[in-house]
PDB file of all heavy atoms in Angstrom:
ATOM      1  N   ARG A   1      50.451   6.073  13.480  1.00  0.00           N
ATOM      2  CA  ARG A   1      50.736   5.869  12.049  1.00  0.00           C
ATOM      3  C   ARG A   1      52.184   5.437  11.854  1.00  0.00           C
ATOM      4  O   ARG A   1      52.488   4.553  11.044  1.00  0.00           O
ATOM      5  CB  ARG A   1      50.463   7.148  11.255  1.00  0.00           C
ATOM      6  CG  ARG A   1      48.997   7.536  11.168  1.00  0.00           C
ATOM      7  CD  ARG A   1      48.740   8.487   9.992  1.00  0.00           C
ATOM      8  NE  ARG A   1      49.614   9.653  10.015  1.00  0.00           N
ATOM      9  CZ  ARG A   1      49.346  10.795  10.662  1.00  0.00           C
ATOM     10  NH1 ARG A   1      48.226  10.896  11.374  1.00  0.00           N
ATOM     11  NH2 ARG A   1      50.186  11.800  10.617  1.00  0.00           N
ATOM     12  N   GLY A   2      53.095   6.071  12.587  1.00  0.00           N
ATOM     13  CA  GLY A   2      54.504   5.708  12.478  1.00  0.00           C
ATOM     14  C   GLY A   2      54.753   4.269  12.876  1.00  0.00           C
ATOM     15  O   GLY A   2      55.551   3.569  12.240  1.00  0.00           O
ATOM     16  N   ASP A   3      54.058   3.796  13.906  1.00  0.00           N
ATOM     17  CA  ASP A   3      54.227   2.409  14.337  1.00  0.00           C
ATOM     18  C   ASP A   3      53.701   1.441  13.277  1.00  0.00           C
ATOM     19  O   ASP A   3      54.325   0.401  13.021  1.00  0.00           O
ATOM     20  CB  ASP A   3      53.482   2.192  15.656  1.00  0.00           C
ATOM     21  CG  ASP A   3      53.618   0.768  16.162  1.00  0.00           C
ATOM     22  OD1 ASP A   3      54.733   0.382  16.540  1.00  0.00           O
ATOM     23  OD2 ASP A   3      52.599   0.052  16.180  1.00  0.00           O
ATOM     24  N   ALA A   4      52.569   1.781  12.649  1.00  0.00           N
ATOM     25  CA  ALA A   4      52.020   0.922  11.595  1.00  0.00           C
ATOM     26  C   ALA A   4      52.981   0.847  10.404  1.00  0.00           C
ATOM     27  O   ALA A   4      53.196  -0.230   9.821  1.00  0.00           O
ATOM     28  CB  ALA A   4      50.659   1.444  11.152  1.00  0.00           C
ATOM     29  N   ILE A   5      53.584   1.987  10.055  1.00  0.00           N
ATOM     30  CA  ILE A   5      54.540   1.997   8.939  1.00  0.00           C
ATOM     31  C   ILE A   5      55.787   1.198   9.305  1.00  0.00           C
ATOM     32  O   ILE A   5      56.341   0.450   8.475  1.00  0.00           O
ATOM     33  CB  ILE A   5      54.908   3.457   8.576  1.00  0.00           C
ATOM     34  CG1 ILE A   5      53.684   4.192   8.021  1.00  0.00           C
ATOM     35  CG2 ILE A   5      56.049   3.489   7.570  1.00  0.00           C
ATOM     36  CD1 ILE A   5      53.864   5.689   7.896  1.00  0.00           C
ATOM     37  N   ASN A   6      56.233   1.318  10.538  1.00  0.00           N
ATOM     38  CA  ASN A   6      57.419   0.576  10.989  1.00  0.00           C
ATOM     39  C   ASN A   6      57.179  -0.929  10.924  1.00  0.00           C
ATOM     40  O   ASN A   6      58.065  -1.690  10.509  1.00  0.00           O
ATOM     41  CB  ASN A   6      57.768   1.002  12.420  1.00  0.00           C
ATOM     42  CG  ASN A   6      59.020   0.319  12.927  1.00  0.00           C
ATOM     43  OD1 ASN A   6      60.065   0.336  12.285  1.00  0.00           O
ATOM     44  ND2 ASN A   6      58.918  -0.312  14.087  1.00  0.00           N
ATOM     45  N   GLN A   7      55.988  -1.377  11.307  1.00  0.00           N
ATOM     46  CA  GLN A   7      55.670  -2.799  11.220  1.00  0.00           C
ATOM     47  C   GLN A   7      55.655  -3.273   9.767  1.00  0.00           C
ATOM     48  O   GLN A   7      56.078  -4.395   9.466  1.00  0.00           O
ATOM     49  CB  GLN A   7      54.322  -3.067  11.879  1.00  0.00           C
ATOM     50  CG  GLN A   7      54.336  -2.868  13.390  1.00  0.00           C
ATOM     51  CD  GLN A   7      53.015  -3.199  14.028  1.00  0.00           C
ATOM     52  OE1 GLN A   7      52.252  -4.002  13.505  1.00  0.00           O
ATOM     53  NE2 GLN A   7      52.714  -2.583  15.167  1.00  0.00           N
ATOM     54  N   MET A   8      55.198  -2.402   8.878  1.00  0.00           N
ATOM     55  CA  MET A   8      55.210  -2.753   7.456  1.00  0.00           C
ATOM     56  C   MET A   8      56.648  -2.873   6.952  1.00  0.00           C
ATOM     57  O   MET A   8      56.992  -3.787   6.179  1.00  0.00           O
ATOM     58  CB  MET A   8      54.455  -1.684   6.655  1.00  0.00           C
ATOM     59  CG  MET A   8      54.141  -2.088   5.217  1.00  0.00           C
ATOM     60  SD  MET A   8      53.342  -0.738   4.324  1.00  0.00           S
ATOM     61  CE  MET A   8      51.920  -0.437   5.386  1.00  0.00           C
ATOM     62  N   MET A   9      57.522  -1.980   7.435  1.00  0.00           N
ATOM     63  CA  MET A   9      58.921  -2.023   7.001  1.00  0.00           C
ATOM     64  C   MET A   9      59.628  -3.271   7.514  1.00  0.00           C
ATOM     65  O   MET A   9      60.591  -3.737   6.896  1.00  0.00           O
ATOM     66  CB  MET A   9      59.659  -0.770   7.491  1.00  0.00           C
ATOM     67  CG  MET A   9      59.357   0.482   6.685  1.00  0.00           C
ATOM     68  SD  MET A   9      60.550   1.801   6.994  1.00  0.00           S
ATOM     69  CE  MET A   9      60.321   2.087   8.734  1.00  0.00           C
ATOM     70  N   GLN A  10      59.173  -3.795   8.661  1.00  0.00           N
ATOM     71  CA  GLN A  10      59.780  -5.020   9.172  1.00  0.00           C
ATOM     72  C   GLN A  10      59.583  -6.184   8.204  1.00  0.00           C
ATOM     73  O   GLN A  10      60.375  -7.131   8.174  1.00  0.00           O
ATOM     74  CB  GLN A  10      59.152  -5.392  10.532  1.00  0.00           C
ATOM     75  CG  GLN A  10      59.300  -4.349  11.614  1.00  0.00           C
ATOM     76  CD  GLN A  10      60.749  -4.031  11.945  1.00  0.00           C
ATOM     77  OE1 GLN A  10      61.577  -4.938  12.018  1.00  0.00           O
ATOM     78  NE2 GLN A  10      61.053  -2.769  12.117  1.00  0.00           N
ATOM     79  N   VAL A  11      58.524  -6.086   7.387  1.00  0.00           N
ATOM     80  CA  VAL A  11      58.214  -7.154   6.436  1.00  0.00           C
ATOM     81  C   VAL A  11      58.800  -6.855   5.061  1.00  0.00           C
ATOM     82  O   VAL A  11      59.436  -7.704   4.431  1.00  0.00           O
ATOM     83  CB  VAL A  11      56.681  -7.356   6.336  1.00  0.00           C
ATOM     84  CG1 VAL A  11      56.344  -8.442   5.312  1.00  0.00           C
ATOM     85  CG2 VAL A  11      56.096  -7.689   7.701  1.00  0.00           C
ATOM     86  N   THR A  12      58.620  -5.628   4.587  1.00  0.00           N
ATOM     87  CA  THR A  12      58.974  -5.299   3.201  1.00  0.00           C
ATOM     88  C   THR A  12      60.298  -4.574   3.063  1.00  0.00           C
ATOM     89  O   THR A  12      60.826  -4.456   1.950  1.00  0.00           O
ATOM     90  CB  THR A  12      57.879  -4.423   2.584  1.00  0.00           C
ATOM     91  OG1 THR A  12      57.825  -3.172   3.279  1.00  0.00           O
ATOM     92  CG2 THR A  12      56.519  -5.105   2.685  1.00  0.00           C
ATOM     93  N   GLY A  13      60.838  -4.051   4.179  1.00  0.00           N
ATOM     94  CA  GLY A  13      62.023  -3.217   4.092  1.00  0.00           C
ATOM     95  C   GLY A  13      61.645  -1.792   3.709  1.00  0.00           C
ATOM     96  O   GLY A  13      60.493  -1.486   3.387  1.00  0.00           O
ATOM     97  N   GLU A  14      62.624  -0.884   3.740  1.00  0.00           N
ATOM     98  CA  GLU A  14      62.363   0.531   3.429  1.00  0.00           C
ATOM     99  C   GLU A  14      61.849   0.718   2.010  1.00  0.00           C
ATOM    100  O   GLU A  14      61.049   1.620   1.748  1.00  0.00           O
ATOM    101  CB  GLU A  14      63.636   1.357   3.629  1.00  0.00           C
ATOM    102  CG  GLU A  14      64.053   1.521   5.078  1.00  0.00           C
ATOM    103  CD  GLU A  14      65.263   2.419   5.235  1.00  0.00           C
ATOM    104  OE1 GLU A  14      65.727   2.964   4.195  1.00  0.00           O
ATOM    105  OE2 GLU A  14      65.756   2.590   6.363  1.00  0.00           O
ATOM    106  N   GLU A  15      62.292  -0.134   1.091  1.00  0.00           N
ATOM    107  CA  GLU A  15      61.891   0.032  -0.306  1.00  0.00           C
ATOM    108  C   GLU A  15      60.442  -0.371  -0.537  1.00  0.00           C
ATOM    109  O   GLU A  15      59.872  -0.073  -1.594  1.00  0.00           O
ATOM    110  CB  GLU A  15      62.801  -0.809  -1.217  1.00  0.00           C
ATOM    111  CG  GLU A  15      64.284  -0.447  -1.116  1.00  0.00           C
ATOM    112  CD  GLU A  15      64.540   1.021  -1.437  1.00  0.00           C
ATOM    113  OE1 GLU A  15      63.848   1.551  -2.327  1.00  0.00           O
ATOM    114  OE2 GLU A  15      65.408   1.628  -0.774  1.00  0.00           O
ATOM    115  N   GLY A  16      59.855  -1.035   0.427  1.00  0.00           N
ATOM    116  CA  GLY A  16      58.480  -1.503   0.255  1.00  0.00           C
ATOM    117  C   GLY A  16      57.428  -0.480   0.630  1.00  0.00           C
ATOM    118  O   GLY A  16      56.226  -0.764   0.531  1.00  0.00           O
ATOM    119  N   ILE A  17      57.846   0.713   1.079  1.00  0.00           N
ATOM    120  CA  ILE A  17      56.885   1.762   1.424  1.00  0.00           C
ATOM    121  C   ILE A  17      57.196   3.005   0.604  1.00  0.00           C
ATOM    122  O   ILE A  17      58.287   3.155   0.047  1.00  0.00           O
ATOM    123  CB  ILE A  17      56.942   2.105   2.929  1.00  0.00           C
ATOM    124  CG1 ILE A  17      58.325   2.634   3.306  1.00  0.00           C
ATOM    125  CG2 ILE A  17      56.576   0.903   3.772  1.00  0.00           C
ATOM    126  CD1 ILE A  17      58.395   3.194   4.717  1.00  0.00           C
ATOM    127  N   THR A  18      56.234   3.890   0.514  1.00  0.00           N
ATOM    128  CA  THR A  18      56.418   5.112  -0.260  1.00  0.00           C
ATOM    129  C   THR A  18      57.324   6.077   0.494  1.00  0.00           C
ATOM    130  O   THR A  18      57.497   5.981   1.722  1.00  0.00           O
ATOM    131  CB  THR A  18      55.070   5.795  -0.524  1.00  0.00           C
ATOM    132  OG1 THR A  18      54.511   6.210   0.733  1.00  0.00           O
ATOM    133  CG2 THR A  18      54.104   4.843  -1.221  1.00  0.00           C
ATOM    134  N   LEU A  19      57.883   7.039  -0.217  1.00  0.00           N
ATOM    135  CA  LEU A  19      58.725   8.065   0.399  1.00  0.00           C
ATOM    136  C   LEU A  19      57.901   8.894   1.391  1.00  0.00           C
ATOM    137  O   LEU A  19      58.395   9.277   2.463  1.00  0.00           O
ATOM    138  CB  LEU A  19      59.333   8.971  -0.677  1.00  0.00           C
ATOM    139  CG  LEU A  19      60.242  10.105  -0.172  1.00  0.00           C
ATOM    140  CD1 LEU A  19      61.402   9.555   0.639  1.00  0.00           C
ATOM    141  CD2 LEU A  19      60.748  10.942  -1.353  1.00  0.00           C
ATOM    142  N   GLU A  20      56.640   9.133   1.051  1.00  0.00           N
ATOM    143  CA  GLU A  20      55.765   9.904   1.949  1.00  0.00           C
ATOM    144  C   GLU A  20      55.581   9.179   3.280  1.00  0.00           C
ATOM    145  O   GLU A  20      55.658   9.793   4.353  1.00  0.00           O
ATOM    146  CB  GLU A  20      54.412  10.127   1.288  1.00  0.00           C
ATOM    147  CG  GLU A  20      53.446  10.949   2.136  1.00  0.00           C
ATOM    148  CD  GLU A  20      52.093  11.123   1.468  1.00  0.00           C
ATOM    149  OE1 GLU A  20      51.909  10.617   0.330  1.00  0.00           O
ATOM    150  OE2 GLU A  20      51.213  11.748   2.090  1.00  0.00           O
ATOM    151  N   ASP A  21      55.356   7.846   3.224  1.00  0.00           N
ATOM    152  CA  ASP A  21      55.221   7.074   4.457  1.00  0.00           C
ATOM    153  C   ASP A  21      56.528   7.042   5.230  1.00  0.00           C
ATOM    154  O   ASP A  21      56.532   7.074   6.475  1.00  0.00           O
ATOM    155  CB  ASP A  21      54.775   5.649   4.142  1.00  0.00           C
ATOM    156  CG  ASP A  21      53.286   5.559   3.847  1.00  0.00           C
ATOM    157  OD1 ASP A  21      52.580   6.537   4.116  1.00  0.00           O
ATOM    158  OD2 ASP A  21      52.844   4.505   3.338  1.00  0.00           O
ATOM    159  N   TYR A  22      57.641   7.001   4.517  1.00  0.00           N
ATOM    160  CA  TYR A  22      58.942   6.984   5.179  1.00  0.00           C
ATOM    161  C   TYR A  22      59.164   8.281   5.962  1.00  0.00           C
ATOM    162  O   TYR A  22      59.675   8.262   7.090  1.00  0.00           O
ATOM    163  CB  TYR A  22      60.057   6.797   4.145  1.00  0.00           C
ATOM    164  CG  TYR A  22      61.432   6.641   4.766  1.00  0.00           C
ATOM    165  CD1 TYR A  22      61.831   5.421   5.309  1.00  0.00           C
ATOM    166  CD2 TYR A  22      62.317   7.708   4.827  1.00  0.00           C
ATOM    167  CE1 TYR A  22      63.079   5.266   5.895  1.00  0.00           C
ATOM    168  CE2 TYR A  22      63.571   7.571   5.405  1.00  0.00           C
ATOM    169  CZ  TYR A  22      63.945   6.346   5.939  1.00  0.00           C
ATOM    170  OH  TYR A  22      65.188   6.213   6.518  1.00  0.00           O
ATOM    171  N   ILE A  23      58.770   9.405   5.370  1.00  0.00           N
ATOM    172  CA  ILE A  23      58.902  10.702   6.057  1.00  0.00           C
ATOM    173  C   ILE A  23      57.989  10.746   7.285  1.00  0.00           C
ATOM    174  O   ILE A  23      58.374  11.249   8.342  1.00  0.00           O
ATOM    175  CB  ILE A  23      58.585  11.852   5.084  1.00  0.00           C
ATOM    176  CG1 ILE A  23      59.631  11.899   3.964  1.00  0.00           C
ATOM    177  CG2 ILE A  23      58.507  13.194   5.812  1.00  0.00           C
ATOM    178  CD1 ILE A  23      59.296  12.879   2.838  1.00  0.00           C
ATOM    179  N   THR A  24      56.778  10.207   7.155  1.00  0.00           N
ATOM    180  CA  THR A  24      55.862  10.145   8.306  1.00  0.00           C
ATOM    181  C   THR A  24      56.477   9.339   9.439  1.00  0.00           C
ATOM    182  O   THR A  24      56.390   9.727  10.618  1.00  0.00           O
ATOM    183  CB  THR A  24      54.520   9.517   7.883  1.00  0.00           C
ATOM    184  OG1 THR A  24      53.924  10.322   6.854  1.00  0.00           O
ATOM    185  CG2 THR A  24      53.565   9.425   9.066  1.00  0.00           C
TER     186      THR A  24
END
């Protein structure tokens, strides 16, 4: 899950994900 969120952040940046996903 962390790797999937990290790949999403590579596209959208930290602001593009929820705080809950950031903590995960």
